[in-house]
């Protein structure tokens, strides 16, 4: 993405010309960064949470609340898959003018990120059920 934008700036301001496909290609790559980054945030336990209550409840309740959170996040990931697929299917017949590819490519990052979010949420639930640690940050495990 950075190379595409740098090339665009060079072509525009040094060569006094323009590459038409760099901006939409960069936006598409940014979509991949955003949705894959969100999935990694889920995997590592860095997603947004409201954890004030977690400071005052017992460890078992914390684990239950983390599990509920992971289930809700997994449901959101499933929604990303479902609706992202619908968007991709509805735009598959369109052609992106500057890139010459199907409009579905704009929505594939949503589906890919959703698949990873569902998988990582299921992994966190399975690890928690097995008594294994699920995050590097912000979550305590039962101490028996």
N, C-alpha and C. Protein backbone atom coordinates (compact mmCIF):
# COMPACT_ATOMS: atom_id res chain seq x y z
N UNK A 1 0.83 -1.18 0.00
CA UNK A 1 0.00 0.00 0.00
C UNK A 1 0.88 1.25 0.00
N UNK A 2 1.89 1.25 0.83
CA UNK A 2 2.79 2.40 0.90
C UNK A 2 3.53 2.60 -0.42
N UNK A 3 3.94 1.51 -1.04
CA UNK A 3 4.63 1.59 -2.33
C UNK A 3 3.70 2.17 -3.39
N UNK A 4 2.44 1.74 -3.38
CA UNK A 4 1.48 2.26 -4.36
C UNK A 4 1.28 3.77 -4.20
N UNK A 5 1.12 4.21 -2.96
CA UNK A 5 0.91 5.64 -2.72
C UNK A 5 2.17 6.43 -3.05
N UNK A 6 3.33 5.90 -2.69
CA UNK A 6 4.58 6.59 -3.03
C UNK A 6 4.74 6.70 -4.54
N UNK A 7 4.42 5.63 -5.26
CA UNK A 7 4.50 5.68 -6.72
C UNK A 7 3.53 6.72 -7.27
N UNK A 8 2.34 6.79 -6.71
CA UNK A 8 1.35 7.77 -7.17
C UNK A 8 1.86 9.19 -6.96
N UNK A 9 2.44 9.45 -5.79
CA UNK A 9 2.97 10.79 -5.51
C UNK A 9 4.11 11.12 -6.47
N UNK A 10 5.00 10.16 -6.68
CA UNK A 10 6.12 10.38 -7.60
C UNK A 10 5.61 10.67 -9.02
N UNK A 11 4.69 9.85 -9.50
CA UNK A 11 4.17 10.03 -10.86
C UNK A 11 3.46 11.37 -11.00
N UNK A 12 2.69 11.73 -9.97
CA UNK A 12 1.89 12.95 -10.07
C UNK A 12 2.75 14.21 -9.98
N UNK A 13 3.67 14.26 -9.01
CA UNK A 13 4.38 15.51 -8.75
C UNK A 13 5.75 15.60 -9.43
N UNK A 14 6.34 14.48 -9.78
CA UNK A 14 7.64 14.51 -10.45
C UNK A 14 7.47 14.35 -11.96
N UNK A 15 6.67 13.37 -12.36
CA UNK A 15 6.49 13.10 -13.78
C UNK A 15 5.28 13.83 -14.38
N UNK A 16 4.53 14.53 -13.54
CA UNK A 16 3.35 15.28 -13.96
C UNK A 16 2.35 14.39 -14.72
N UNK A 17 2.16 13.19 -14.20
CA UNK A 17 1.23 12.22 -14.77
C UNK A 17 0.52 11.55 -13.59
N UNK A 18 -0.33 10.60 -13.84
CA UNK A 18 -1.04 9.94 -12.74
C UNK A 18 -1.27 8.47 -13.05
N UNK A 19 -1.14 7.66 -12.03
CA UNK A 19 -1.48 6.24 -12.14
C UNK A 19 -2.88 6.10 -11.54
N UNK A 20 -3.83 5.67 -12.33
CA UNK A 20 -5.22 5.69 -11.88
C UNK A 20 -5.57 4.56 -10.92
N UNK A 21 -4.88 3.47 -10.92
CA UNK A 21 -5.28 2.31 -10.14
C UNK A 21 -4.70 2.29 -8.73
N UNK A 22 -3.75 3.18 -8.40
CA UNK A 22 -3.08 3.08 -7.09
C UNK A 22 -4.00 3.40 -5.92
N UNK A 23 -4.85 4.40 -6.06
CA UNK A 23 -5.73 4.77 -4.94
C UNK A 23 -6.75 3.68 -4.62
N UNK A 24 -7.50 3.15 -5.59
CA UNK A 24 -8.44 2.08 -5.23
C UNK A 24 -7.75 0.80 -4.77
N UNK A 25 -6.58 0.51 -5.33
CA UNK A 25 -5.84 -0.67 -4.87
C UNK A 25 -5.38 -0.49 -3.43
N UNK A 26 -4.94 0.71 -3.09
CA UNK A 26 -4.50 0.99 -1.72
C UNK A 26 -5.66 0.90 -0.73
N UNK A 27 -6.83 1.39 -1.14
CA UNK A 27 -8.01 1.29 -0.27
C UNK A 27 -8.39 -0.17 -0.06
N UNK A 28 -8.27 -0.98 -1.09
CA UNK A 28 -8.59 -2.40 -0.96
C UNK A 28 -7.60 -3.09 -0.02
N UNK A 29 -6.33 -2.76 -0.14
CA UNK A 29 -5.31 -3.32 0.75
C UNK A 29 -5.56 -2.85 2.18
N UNK A 30 -5.97 -1.60 2.34
CA UNK A 30 -6.30 -1.09 3.68
C UNK A 30 -7.42 -1.90 4.32
N UNK A 31 -8.40 -2.30 3.51
CA UNK A 31 -9.47 -3.16 4.03
C UNK A 31 -8.91 -4.46 4.59
N UNK A 32 -7.96 -5.05 3.89
CA UNK A 32 -7.33 -6.27 4.42
C UNK A 32 -6.61 -5.98 5.73
N UNK A 33 -5.87 -4.87 5.81
CA UNK A 33 -5.17 -4.52 7.04
C UNK A 33 -6.15 -4.38 8.20
N UNK A 34 -7.25 -3.69 7.95
CA UNK A 34 -8.22 -3.43 9.01
C UNK A 34 -8.85 -4.72 9.52
N UNK A 35 -9.36 -5.54 8.61
CA UNK A 35 -10.10 -6.73 9.05
C UNK A 35 -9.18 -7.83 9.55
N UNK A 36 -8.01 -7.98 8.98
CA UNK A 36 -7.06 -8.97 9.52
C UNK A 36 -6.51 -8.48 10.85
N UNK A 37 -6.29 -7.17 10.97
CA UNK A 37 -5.85 -6.61 12.25
C UNK A 37 -6.89 -6.79 13.35
N UNK A 38 -8.15 -6.64 13.00
CA UNK A 38 -9.22 -6.86 13.98
C UNK A 38 -9.22 -8.31 14.44
N UNK A 39 -9.02 -9.24 13.51
CA UNK A 39 -8.98 -10.66 13.87
C UNK A 39 -7.80 -10.95 14.79
N UNK A 40 -6.66 -10.36 14.51
CA UNK A 40 -5.49 -10.56 15.37
C UNK A 40 -5.76 -9.98 16.76
N UNK A 41 -6.44 -8.84 16.80
CA UNK A 41 -6.82 -8.26 18.10
C UNK A 41 -7.70 -9.18 18.90
N UNK A 42 -8.61 -9.88 18.24
CA UNK A 42 -9.45 -10.86 18.92
C UNK A 42 -8.59 -12.01 19.43
N UNK A 43 -7.71 -12.50 18.57
CA UNK A 43 -6.84 -13.63 18.92
C UNK A 43 -5.98 -13.33 20.13
N UNK A 44 -5.45 -12.12 20.19
CA UNK A 44 -4.54 -11.75 21.27
C UNK A 44 -5.25 -11.17 22.50
N UNK A 45 -6.55 -10.97 22.41
CA UNK A 45 -7.30 -10.46 23.56
C UNK A 45 -7.22 -8.95 23.71
N UNK A 46 -6.95 -8.22 22.64
CA UNK A 46 -6.82 -6.78 22.71
C UNK A 46 -8.05 -6.03 22.22
N UNK A 47 -9.14 -6.73 21.94
CA UNK A 47 -10.32 -6.04 21.45
C UNK A 47 -10.92 -5.18 22.55
N UNK A 48 -11.76 -4.24 22.17
CA UNK A 48 -12.36 -3.33 23.13
C UNK A 48 -13.23 -4.09 24.12
N UNK A 49 -13.15 -3.67 25.35
CA UNK A 49 -14.01 -4.28 26.36
C UNK A 49 -14.27 -3.26 27.46
N UNK A 50 -15.35 -3.49 28.16
CA UNK A 50 -15.72 -2.66 29.30
C UNK A 50 -15.52 -3.52 30.52
N UNK A 51 -14.39 -3.36 31.17
CA UNK A 51 -13.99 -4.32 32.20
C UNK A 51 -14.02 -3.79 33.63
N UNK A 52 -14.75 -2.73 33.88
CA UNK A 52 -14.82 -2.17 35.23
C UNK A 52 -15.40 -3.20 36.20
N UNK A 53 -16.44 -3.91 35.78
CA UNK A 53 -17.10 -4.90 36.65
C UNK A 53 -16.15 -6.05 36.97
N UNK A 54 -15.23 -6.36 36.07
CA UNK A 54 -14.33 -7.49 36.27
C UNK A 54 -13.43 -7.32 37.48
N UNK A 55 -13.27 -6.09 37.95
CA UNK A 55 -12.42 -5.85 39.11
C UNK A 55 -13.08 -6.25 40.43
N UNK A 56 -14.39 -6.44 40.42
CA UNK A 56 -15.09 -6.70 41.68
C UNK A 56 -15.79 -8.05 41.73
N UNK A 57 -15.77 -8.82 40.64
CA UNK A 57 -16.45 -10.11 40.64
C UNK A 57 -15.44 -11.24 40.85
N UNK A 58 -15.91 -12.38 41.36
CA UNK A 58 -15.01 -13.52 41.56
C UNK A 58 -14.47 -14.05 40.23
N UNK A 59 -13.38 -14.83 40.32
CA UNK A 59 -12.71 -15.35 39.12
C UNK A 59 -13.64 -16.17 38.23
N UNK A 60 -14.50 -16.99 38.81
CA UNK A 60 -15.40 -17.81 38.00
C UNK A 60 -16.36 -16.95 37.18
N UNK A 61 -16.83 -15.86 37.77
CA UNK A 61 -17.72 -14.95 37.05
C UNK A 61 -16.94 -14.23 35.94
N UNK A 62 -15.68 -13.89 36.22
CA UNK A 62 -14.85 -13.27 35.18
C UNK A 62 -14.72 -14.19 33.98
N UNK A 63 -14.46 -15.46 34.24
CA UNK A 63 -14.33 -16.42 33.14
C UNK A 63 -15.63 -16.55 32.37
N UNK A 64 -16.75 -16.56 33.07
CA UNK A 64 -18.04 -16.62 32.41
C UNK A 64 -18.26 -15.38 31.55
N UNK A 65 -17.94 -14.22 32.09
CA UNK A 65 -18.11 -12.98 31.34
C UNK A 65 -17.20 -12.93 30.11
N UNK A 66 -15.96 -13.40 30.26
CA UNK A 66 -15.06 -13.46 29.10
C UNK A 66 -15.61 -14.43 28.05
N UNK A 67 -16.19 -15.54 28.50
CA UNK A 67 -16.75 -16.50 27.56
C UNK A 67 -17.95 -15.91 26.82
N UNK A 68 -18.80 -15.20 27.54
CA UNK A 68 -19.94 -14.54 26.90
C UNK A 68 -19.43 -13.52 25.87
N UNK A 69 -18.41 -12.77 26.24
CA UNK A 69 -17.83 -11.79 25.33
C UNK A 69 -17.29 -12.47 24.07
N UNK A 70 -16.57 -13.58 24.24
CA UNK A 70 -16.03 -14.29 23.08
C UNK A 70 -17.15 -14.85 22.20
N UNK A 71 -18.24 -15.32 22.81
CA UNK A 71 -19.36 -15.83 22.04
C UNK A 71 -20.03 -14.71 21.23
N UNK A 72 -20.18 -13.54 21.84
CA UNK A 72 -20.77 -12.40 21.14
C UNK A 72 -19.86 -11.95 20.00
N UNK A 73 -18.56 -11.89 20.25
CA UNK A 73 -17.61 -11.51 19.21
C UNK A 73 -17.64 -12.53 18.07
N UNK A 74 -17.73 -13.82 18.41
CA UNK A 74 -17.85 -14.85 17.38
C UNK A 74 -19.12 -14.67 16.56
N UNK A 75 -20.21 -14.31 17.22
CA UNK A 75 -21.46 -14.03 16.50
C UNK A 75 -21.31 -12.84 15.57
N UNK A 76 -20.60 -11.83 16.01
CA UNK A 76 -20.33 -10.68 15.14
C UNK A 76 -19.50 -11.11 13.94
N UNK A 77 -18.51 -11.97 14.17
CA UNK A 77 -17.71 -12.49 13.06
C UNK A 77 -18.55 -13.28 12.08
N UNK A 78 -19.50 -14.06 12.60
CA UNK A 78 -20.41 -14.79 11.71
C UNK A 78 -21.24 -13.82 10.87
N UNK A 79 -21.69 -12.73 11.49
CA UNK A 79 -22.42 -11.70 10.76
C UNK A 79 -21.57 -11.07 9.67
N UNK A 80 -20.28 -10.87 9.96
CA UNK A 80 -19.37 -10.35 8.94
C UNK A 80 -19.29 -11.30 7.76
N UNK A 81 -19.21 -12.60 8.05
CA UNK A 81 -19.14 -13.59 6.98
C UNK A 81 -20.42 -13.55 6.15
N UNK A 82 -21.56 -13.61 6.82
CA UNK A 82 -22.86 -13.68 6.15
C UNK A 82 -23.12 -12.45 5.28
N UNK A 83 -23.04 -11.28 5.90
CA UNK A 83 -23.38 -10.06 5.18
C UNK A 83 -22.27 -9.64 4.21
N UNK A 84 -21.02 -9.92 4.55
CA UNK A 84 -19.93 -9.66 3.62
C UNK A 84 -20.06 -10.49 2.37
N UNK A 85 -20.47 -11.76 2.55
CA UNK A 85 -20.69 -12.64 1.39
C UNK A 85 -21.84 -12.11 0.53
N UNK A 86 -22.92 -11.66 1.19
CA UNK A 86 -24.04 -11.10 0.43
C UNK A 86 -23.60 -9.87 -0.37
N UNK A 87 -22.83 -8.99 0.26
CA UNK A 87 -22.34 -7.81 -0.45
C UNK A 87 -21.45 -8.21 -1.63
N UNK A 88 -20.57 -9.18 -1.40
CA UNK A 88 -19.68 -9.64 -2.48
C UNK A 88 -20.49 -10.24 -3.62
N UNK A 89 -21.50 -11.03 -3.28
CA UNK A 89 -22.32 -11.66 -4.31
C UNK A 89 -23.10 -10.62 -5.12
N UNK A 90 -23.61 -9.59 -4.43
CA UNK A 90 -24.39 -8.57 -5.13
C UNK A 90 -23.54 -7.67 -6.02
N UNK A 91 -22.26 -7.56 -5.71
CA UNK A 91 -21.40 -6.68 -6.50
C UNK A 91 -20.46 -7.46 -7.42
N UNK A 92 -20.61 -8.78 -7.45
CA UNK A 92 -19.69 -9.61 -8.27
C UNK A 92 -19.80 -9.28 -9.75
N UNK A 93 -20.96 -8.88 -10.21
CA UNK A 93 -21.14 -8.55 -11.61
C UNK A 93 -20.64 -7.16 -12.00
N UNK A 94 -20.36 -6.33 -11.00
CA UNK A 94 -19.85 -4.98 -11.28
C UNK A 94 -18.34 -5.06 -11.50
N UNK A 95 -17.85 -4.14 -12.27
CA UNK A 95 -16.42 -4.08 -12.53
C UNK A 95 -15.87 -2.79 -11.96
N UNK A 96 -14.81 -2.90 -11.16
CA UNK A 96 -14.16 -1.70 -10.64
C UNK A 96 -13.42 -1.02 -11.80
N UNK A 97 -13.79 0.21 -12.14
CA UNK A 97 -13.29 0.81 -13.37
C UNK A 97 -11.77 0.94 -13.46
N UNK A 98 -11.15 1.39 -12.40
CA UNK A 98 -9.71 1.63 -12.49
C UNK A 98 -8.87 0.37 -12.35
N UNK A 99 -9.44 -0.67 -11.74
CA UNK A 99 -8.69 -1.91 -11.55
C UNK A 99 -9.08 -2.99 -12.55
N UNK A 100 -10.30 -2.92 -13.07
CA UNK A 100 -10.76 -3.91 -14.04
C UNK A 100 -11.07 -5.27 -13.43
N UNK A 101 -11.35 -5.30 -12.13
CA UNK A 101 -11.69 -6.56 -11.47
C UNK A 101 -13.10 -6.46 -10.90
N UNK A 102 -13.63 -7.59 -10.46
CA UNK A 102 -14.98 -7.65 -9.91
C UNK A 102 -15.11 -6.79 -8.66
N UNK A 103 -16.27 -6.19 -8.49
CA UNK A 103 -16.57 -5.41 -7.29
C UNK A 103 -16.59 -6.25 -6.02
N UNK A 104 -16.71 -7.57 -6.17
CA UNK A 104 -16.71 -8.46 -5.00
C UNK A 104 -15.40 -8.38 -4.23
N UNK A 105 -14.31 -8.04 -4.92
CA UNK A 105 -13.02 -7.96 -4.25
C UNK A 105 -12.99 -6.90 -3.16
N UNK A 106 -13.86 -5.92 -3.22
CA UNK A 106 -13.94 -4.92 -2.16
C UNK A 106 -14.46 -5.51 -0.85
N UNK A 107 -15.22 -6.60 -0.92
CA UNK A 107 -15.87 -7.15 0.27
C UNK A 107 -15.25 -8.45 0.76
N UNK A 108 -14.32 -9.00 0.02
CA UNK A 108 -13.66 -10.24 0.45
C UNK A 108 -12.92 -10.05 1.78
N UNK A 109 -12.29 -8.89 2.06
CA UNK A 109 -11.65 -8.73 3.37
C UNK A 109 -12.62 -8.86 4.54
N UNK A 110 -13.88 -8.45 4.34
CA UNK A 110 -14.88 -8.58 5.41
C UNK A 110 -15.12 -10.06 5.70
N UNK A 111 -15.27 -10.84 4.64
CA UNK A 111 -15.51 -12.28 4.81
C UNK A 111 -14.28 -12.95 5.44
N UNK A 112 -13.09 -12.64 4.92
CA UNK A 112 -11.87 -13.24 5.47
C UNK A 112 -11.66 -12.88 6.93
N UNK A 113 -11.85 -11.62 7.27
CA UNK A 113 -11.73 -11.20 8.66
C UNK A 113 -12.77 -11.87 9.54
N UNK A 114 -14.00 -12.02 9.03
CA UNK A 114 -15.05 -12.68 9.79
C UNK A 114 -14.73 -14.14 10.07
N UNK A 115 -14.19 -14.83 9.06
CA UNK A 115 -13.80 -16.23 9.25
C UNK A 115 -12.76 -16.34 10.35
N UNK A 116 -11.75 -15.48 10.31
CA UNK A 116 -10.70 -15.53 11.34
C UNK A 116 -11.24 -15.15 12.71
N UNK A 117 -12.14 -14.18 12.78
CA UNK A 117 -12.71 -13.79 14.07
C UNK A 117 -13.50 -14.95 14.67
N UNK A 118 -14.29 -15.65 13.85
CA UNK A 118 -15.04 -16.81 14.35
C UNK A 118 -14.07 -17.88 14.84
N UNK A 119 -13.05 -18.18 14.06
CA UNK A 119 -12.09 -19.22 14.45
C UNK A 119 -11.36 -18.84 15.73
N UNK A 120 -10.91 -17.59 15.83
CA UNK A 120 -10.18 -17.17 17.02
C UNK A 120 -11.09 -17.11 18.25
N UNK A 121 -12.35 -16.74 18.08
CA UNK A 121 -13.29 -16.74 19.20
C UNK A 121 -13.54 -18.16 19.69
N UNK A 122 -13.72 -19.08 18.74
CA UNK A 122 -13.90 -20.49 19.12
C UNK A 122 -12.66 -21.03 19.82
N UNK A 123 -11.49 -20.63 19.32
CA UNK A 123 -10.25 -21.06 19.97
C UNK A 123 -10.17 -20.56 21.41
N UNK A 124 -10.52 -19.30 21.61
CA UNK A 124 -10.48 -18.73 22.97
C UNK A 124 -11.47 -19.45 23.89
N UNK A 125 -12.66 -19.75 23.37
CA UNK A 125 -13.64 -20.49 24.18
C UNK A 125 -13.14 -21.88 24.51
N UNK A 126 -12.54 -22.58 23.54
CA UNK A 126 -12.03 -23.93 23.77
C UNK A 126 -10.86 -23.91 24.75
N UNK A 127 -9.97 -22.94 24.60
CA UNK A 127 -8.83 -22.86 25.53
C UNK A 127 -9.31 -22.56 26.95
N UNK A 128 -10.29 -21.68 27.07
CA UNK A 128 -10.81 -21.36 28.40
C UNK A 128 -11.48 -22.59 29.03
N UNK A 129 -12.25 -23.33 28.21
CA UNK A 129 -12.92 -24.54 28.72
C UNK A 129 -11.91 -25.59 29.16
N UNK A 130 -10.74 -25.63 28.50
CA UNK A 130 -9.69 -26.59 28.86
C UNK A 130 -8.82 -26.09 30.01
N UNK A 131 -9.06 -24.86 30.47
CA UNK A 131 -8.28 -24.32 31.57
C UNK A 131 -6.95 -23.73 31.15
N UNK A 132 -6.79 -23.49 29.87
CA UNK A 132 -5.55 -22.92 29.34
C UNK A 132 -5.65 -21.41 29.28
N UNK A 133 -4.52 -20.70 29.34
CA UNK A 133 -4.58 -19.23 29.24
C UNK A 133 -5.07 -18.81 27.85
N UNK A 134 -5.80 -17.70 27.80
CA UNK A 134 -6.38 -17.25 26.54
C UNK A 134 -5.88 -15.89 26.09
N UNK A 135 -5.17 -15.18 26.93
CA UNK A 135 -4.73 -13.84 26.53
C UNK A 135 -3.42 -13.50 27.22
N UNK A 136 -2.68 -12.65 26.59
CA UNK A 136 -1.44 -12.17 27.20
C UNK A 136 -1.72 -11.00 28.13
N UNK A 137 -2.89 -10.41 28.03
CA UNK A 137 -3.14 -9.14 28.69
C UNK A 137 -4.59 -9.07 29.19
N UNK A 138 -4.78 -8.68 30.43
CA UNK A 138 -6.08 -8.28 30.89
C UNK A 138 -7.04 -9.38 31.32
N UNK A 139 -6.64 -10.62 31.34
CA UNK A 139 -7.57 -11.67 31.73
C UNK A 139 -6.91 -12.60 32.73
N UNK A 140 -7.62 -12.87 33.79
CA UNK A 140 -7.08 -13.79 34.79
C UNK A 140 -7.70 -15.17 34.57
N UNK A 141 -7.03 -16.18 34.98
CA UNK A 141 -7.52 -17.55 34.91
C UNK A 141 -7.83 -18.03 36.32
N UNK A 142 -8.61 -19.07 36.43
CA UNK A 142 -8.91 -19.65 37.74
C UNK A 142 -7.65 -20.20 38.37
N UNK A 143 -7.52 -19.97 39.64
CA UNK A 143 -6.36 -20.51 40.36
C UNK A 143 -6.89 -21.52 41.37
N UNK A 144 -6.76 -22.80 41.05
CA UNK A 144 -7.24 -23.85 41.93
C UNK A 144 -6.13 -24.46 42.76
